[in-house]
Amino acid sequence: MNVGQLDRIIRIVIGLFLIIAAATDYIGVWGYIGIIPLLTGLLRWCPIYTLLGIQTCPVHEGIKYKK
């Protein structure tokens, strides 16, 4: 997971807005590109963030990994 809570909410809202606007023919079919931010928000993972080394999700405290 590399998408934080605020980032996630923004992605979901923008994605839904674009999809609804496209479905109602308000902005045309290119609005279906809203599927991308919607999915990255729902999955909490953005492949572009991974490539760029960006993470808006805070590190989970209290979780310890075995070596």
N, C-alpha and C. Protein backbone atom coordinates (compact mmCIF):
# COMPACT_ATOMS: atom_id res chain seq x y z
N MET A 1 0.84 -1.18 0.00
CA MET A 1 0.00 0.00 0.00
C MET A 1 0.88 1.24 0.00
N ASN A 2 0.67 2.10 -0.97
CA ASN A 2 1.45 3.34 -1.02
C ASN A 2 0.56 4.58 -1.16
N VAL A 3 -0.74 4.41 -1.02
CA VAL A 3 -1.68 5.53 -1.12
C VAL A 3 -2.29 5.78 0.25
N GLY A 4 -2.10 6.98 0.79
CA GLY A 4 -2.62 7.34 2.11
C GLY A 4 -4.11 7.62 2.10
N GLN A 5 -4.65 7.85 3.27
CA GLN A 5 -6.11 8.01 3.43
C GLN A 5 -6.65 9.22 2.66
N LEU A 6 -6.05 10.39 2.82
CA LEU A 6 -6.53 11.58 2.11
C LEU A 6 -6.38 11.41 0.60
N ASP A 7 -5.24 10.90 0.18
CA ASP A 7 -4.98 10.63 -1.23
C ASP A 7 -6.03 9.67 -1.78
N ARG A 8 -6.36 8.66 -1.00
CA ARG A 8 -7.34 7.65 -1.40
C ARG A 8 -8.72 8.27 -1.60
N ILE A 9 -9.15 9.10 -0.66
CA ILE A 9 -10.47 9.74 -0.75
C ILE A 9 -10.54 10.64 -1.98
N ILE A 10 -9.49 11.41 -2.21
CA ILE A 10 -9.46 12.31 -3.37
C ILE A 10 -9.54 11.51 -4.67
N ARG A 11 -8.80 10.43 -4.75
CA ARG A 11 -8.82 9.58 -5.96
C ARG A 11 -10.20 8.99 -6.21
N ILE A 12 -10.83 8.49 -5.16
CA ILE A 12 -12.15 7.88 -5.31
C ILE A 12 -13.19 8.91 -5.75
N VAL A 13 -13.17 10.09 -5.12
CA VAL A 13 -14.14 11.14 -5.46
C VAL A 13 -13.94 11.60 -6.91
N ILE A 14 -12.70 11.86 -7.30
CA ILE A 14 -12.42 12.31 -8.67
C ILE A 14 -12.79 11.22 -9.67
N GLY A 15 -12.43 9.98 -9.36
CA GLY A 15 -12.76 8.88 -10.25
C GLY A 15 -14.26 8.71 -10.46
N LEU A 16 -15.00 8.75 -9.36
CA LEU A 16 -16.46 8.63 -9.46
C LEU A 16 -17.07 9.80 -10.23
N PHE A 17 -16.58 11.02 -9.95
CA PHE A 17 -17.09 12.19 -10.66
C PHE A 17 -16.87 12.05 -12.17
N LEU A 18 -15.67 11.66 -12.58
CA LEU A 18 -15.38 11.52 -14.00
C LEU A 18 -16.24 10.43 -14.65
N ILE A 19 -16.40 9.31 -13.98
CA ILE A 19 -17.20 8.21 -14.54
C ILE A 19 -18.67 8.62 -14.66
N ILE A 20 -19.20 9.26 -13.63
CA ILE A 20 -20.60 9.71 -13.67
C ILE A 20 -20.78 10.77 -14.75
N ALA A 21 -19.84 11.70 -14.87
CA ALA A 21 -19.93 12.75 -15.89
C ALA A 21 -19.87 12.14 -17.29
N ALA A 22 -19.07 11.10 -17.46
CA ALA A 22 -18.99 10.44 -18.77
C ALA A 22 -20.27 9.65 -19.05
N ALA A 23 -20.80 8.99 -18.03
CA ALA A 23 -22.01 8.17 -18.21
C ALA A 23 -23.22 9.04 -18.54
N THR A 24 -23.24 10.26 -18.04
CA THR A 24 -24.36 11.16 -18.31
C THR A 24 -24.09 12.04 -19.53
N ASP A 25 -23.01 11.76 -20.23
CA ASP A 25 -22.60 12.47 -21.45
C ASP A 25 -22.33 13.96 -21.20
N TYR A 26 -21.91 14.27 -19.99
CA TYR A 26 -21.57 15.65 -19.63
C TYR A 26 -20.20 16.04 -20.17
N ILE A 27 -19.24 15.11 -20.12
CA ILE A 27 -17.89 15.42 -20.59
C ILE A 27 -17.41 14.50 -21.71
N GLY A 28 -18.18 13.55 -22.11
CA GLY A 28 -17.77 12.66 -23.18
C GLY A 28 -17.12 11.39 -22.66
N VAL A 29 -16.77 10.52 -23.59
CA VAL A 29 -16.24 9.21 -23.21
C VAL A 29 -14.86 9.26 -22.57
N TRP A 30 -14.10 10.31 -22.78
CA TRP A 30 -12.77 10.37 -22.17
C TRP A 30 -12.87 10.40 -20.65
N GLY A 31 -14.02 10.72 -20.12
CA GLY A 31 -14.22 10.74 -18.67
C GLY A 31 -14.11 9.37 -18.03
N TYR A 32 -14.24 8.32 -18.83
CA TYR A 32 -14.09 6.98 -18.28
C TYR A 32 -12.66 6.70 -17.83
N ILE A 33 -11.75 7.62 -18.09
CA ILE A 33 -10.40 7.49 -17.56
C ILE A 33 -10.44 7.57 -16.03
N GLY A 34 -11.57 8.00 -15.49
CA GLY A 34 -11.77 8.03 -14.05
C GLY A 34 -11.68 6.66 -13.39
N ILE A 35 -11.73 5.61 -14.21
CA ILE A 35 -11.56 4.25 -13.69
C ILE A 35 -10.19 4.10 -13.04
N ILE A 36 -9.18 4.78 -13.59
CA ILE A 36 -7.82 4.65 -13.06
C ILE A 36 -7.70 5.21 -11.64
N PRO A 37 -8.08 6.47 -11.39
CA PRO A 37 -7.98 6.93 -10.00
C PRO A 37 -8.93 6.18 -9.06
N LEU A 38 -10.08 5.75 -9.56
CA LEU A 38 -11.00 4.98 -8.72
C LEU A 38 -10.36 3.67 -8.28
N LEU A 39 -9.78 2.93 -9.20
CA LEU A 39 -9.15 1.66 -8.85
C LEU A 39 -7.94 1.84 -7.95
N THR A 40 -7.10 2.85 -8.24
CA THR A 40 -5.93 3.05 -7.39
C THR A 40 -6.34 3.49 -5.99
N GLY A 41 -7.45 4.20 -5.88
CA GLY A 41 -7.95 4.58 -4.56
C GLY A 41 -8.52 3.38 -3.81
N LEU A 42 -9.27 2.55 -4.50
CA LEU A 42 -9.86 1.38 -3.86
C LEU A 42 -8.81 0.34 -3.47
N LEU A 43 -7.80 0.18 -4.31
CA LEU A 43 -6.75 -0.81 -4.04
C LEU A 43 -5.65 -0.28 -3.12
N ARG A 44 -5.65 1.05 -2.92
CA ARG A 44 -4.63 1.72 -2.08
C ARG A 44 -3.22 1.51 -2.62
N TRP A 45 -3.10 1.34 -3.91
CA TRP A 45 -1.80 1.11 -4.53
C TRP A 45 -1.75 1.80 -5.89
N CYS A 46 -0.70 2.58 -6.11
CA CYS A 46 -0.52 3.28 -7.37
C CYS A 46 0.79 2.85 -8.00
N PRO A 47 0.76 2.25 -9.19
CA PRO A 47 1.99 1.78 -9.81
C PRO A 47 2.97 2.92 -10.14
N ILE A 48 2.46 4.09 -10.45
CA ILE A 48 3.34 5.22 -10.74
C ILE A 48 4.07 5.66 -9.47
N TYR A 49 3.38 5.65 -8.34
CA TYR A 49 4.03 5.96 -7.06
C TYR A 49 5.16 4.97 -6.80
N THR A 50 4.94 3.70 -7.13
CA THR A 50 5.96 2.68 -6.93
C THR A 50 7.20 2.98 -7.78
N LEU A 51 6.97 3.33 -9.04
CA LEU A 51 8.10 3.64 -9.93
C LEU A 51 8.88 4.86 -9.47
N LEU A 52 8.17 5.85 -8.92
CA LEU A 52 8.82 7.09 -8.49
C LEU A 52 9.28 7.06 -7.04
N GLY A 53 8.96 5.99 -6.33
CA GLY A 53 9.36 5.88 -4.93
C GLY A 53 8.56 6.77 -4.00
N ILE A 54 7.34 7.11 -4.38
CA ILE A 54 6.48 7.98 -3.57
C ILE A 54 5.57 7.11 -2.72
N GLN A 55 5.33 7.56 -1.48
CA GLN A 55 4.39 6.85 -0.61
C GLN A 55 3.69 7.88 0.25
N THR A 56 2.36 7.97 0.12
CA THR A 56 1.58 8.89 0.94
C THR A 56 0.95 8.17 2.12
N CYS A 57 1.12 6.86 2.17
CA CYS A 57 0.59 6.06 3.27
C CYS A 57 1.63 6.04 4.38
N PRO A 58 1.23 6.39 5.60
CA PRO A 58 2.20 6.37 6.69
C PRO A 58 2.65 4.95 7.00
N VAL A 59 3.84 4.83 7.50
CA VAL A 59 4.37 3.52 7.88
C VAL A 59 3.56 3.00 9.06
N HIS A 60 3.18 1.75 8.99
CA HIS A 60 2.37 1.16 10.06
C HIS A 60 3.23 0.94 11.29
N GLU A 61 2.93 1.66 12.35
CA GLU A 61 3.68 1.52 13.58
C GLU A 61 3.17 0.30 14.33
N GLY A 62 4.04 -0.33 15.04
CA GLY A 62 3.66 -1.48 15.84
C GLY A 62 3.74 -2.80 15.09
N ILE A 63 3.94 -2.75 13.79
CA ILE A 63 4.07 -3.96 13.00
C ILE A 63 5.56 -4.28 12.89
N LYS A 64 5.93 -5.43 13.34
CA LYS A 64 7.33 -5.83 13.28
C LYS A 64 7.44 -7.05 12.37
N TYR A 65 8.45 -7.01 11.55
CA TYR A 65 8.66 -8.10 10.61
C TYR A 65 9.83 -8.95 11.07
N LYS A 66 9.70 -10.24 10.88
CA LYS A 66 10.78 -11.15 11.23
C LYS A 66 11.82 -11.14 10.12
N LYS A 67 13.05 -11.24 10.52
CA LYS A 67 14.14 -11.28 9.53
C LYS A 67 14.48 -12.70 9.17
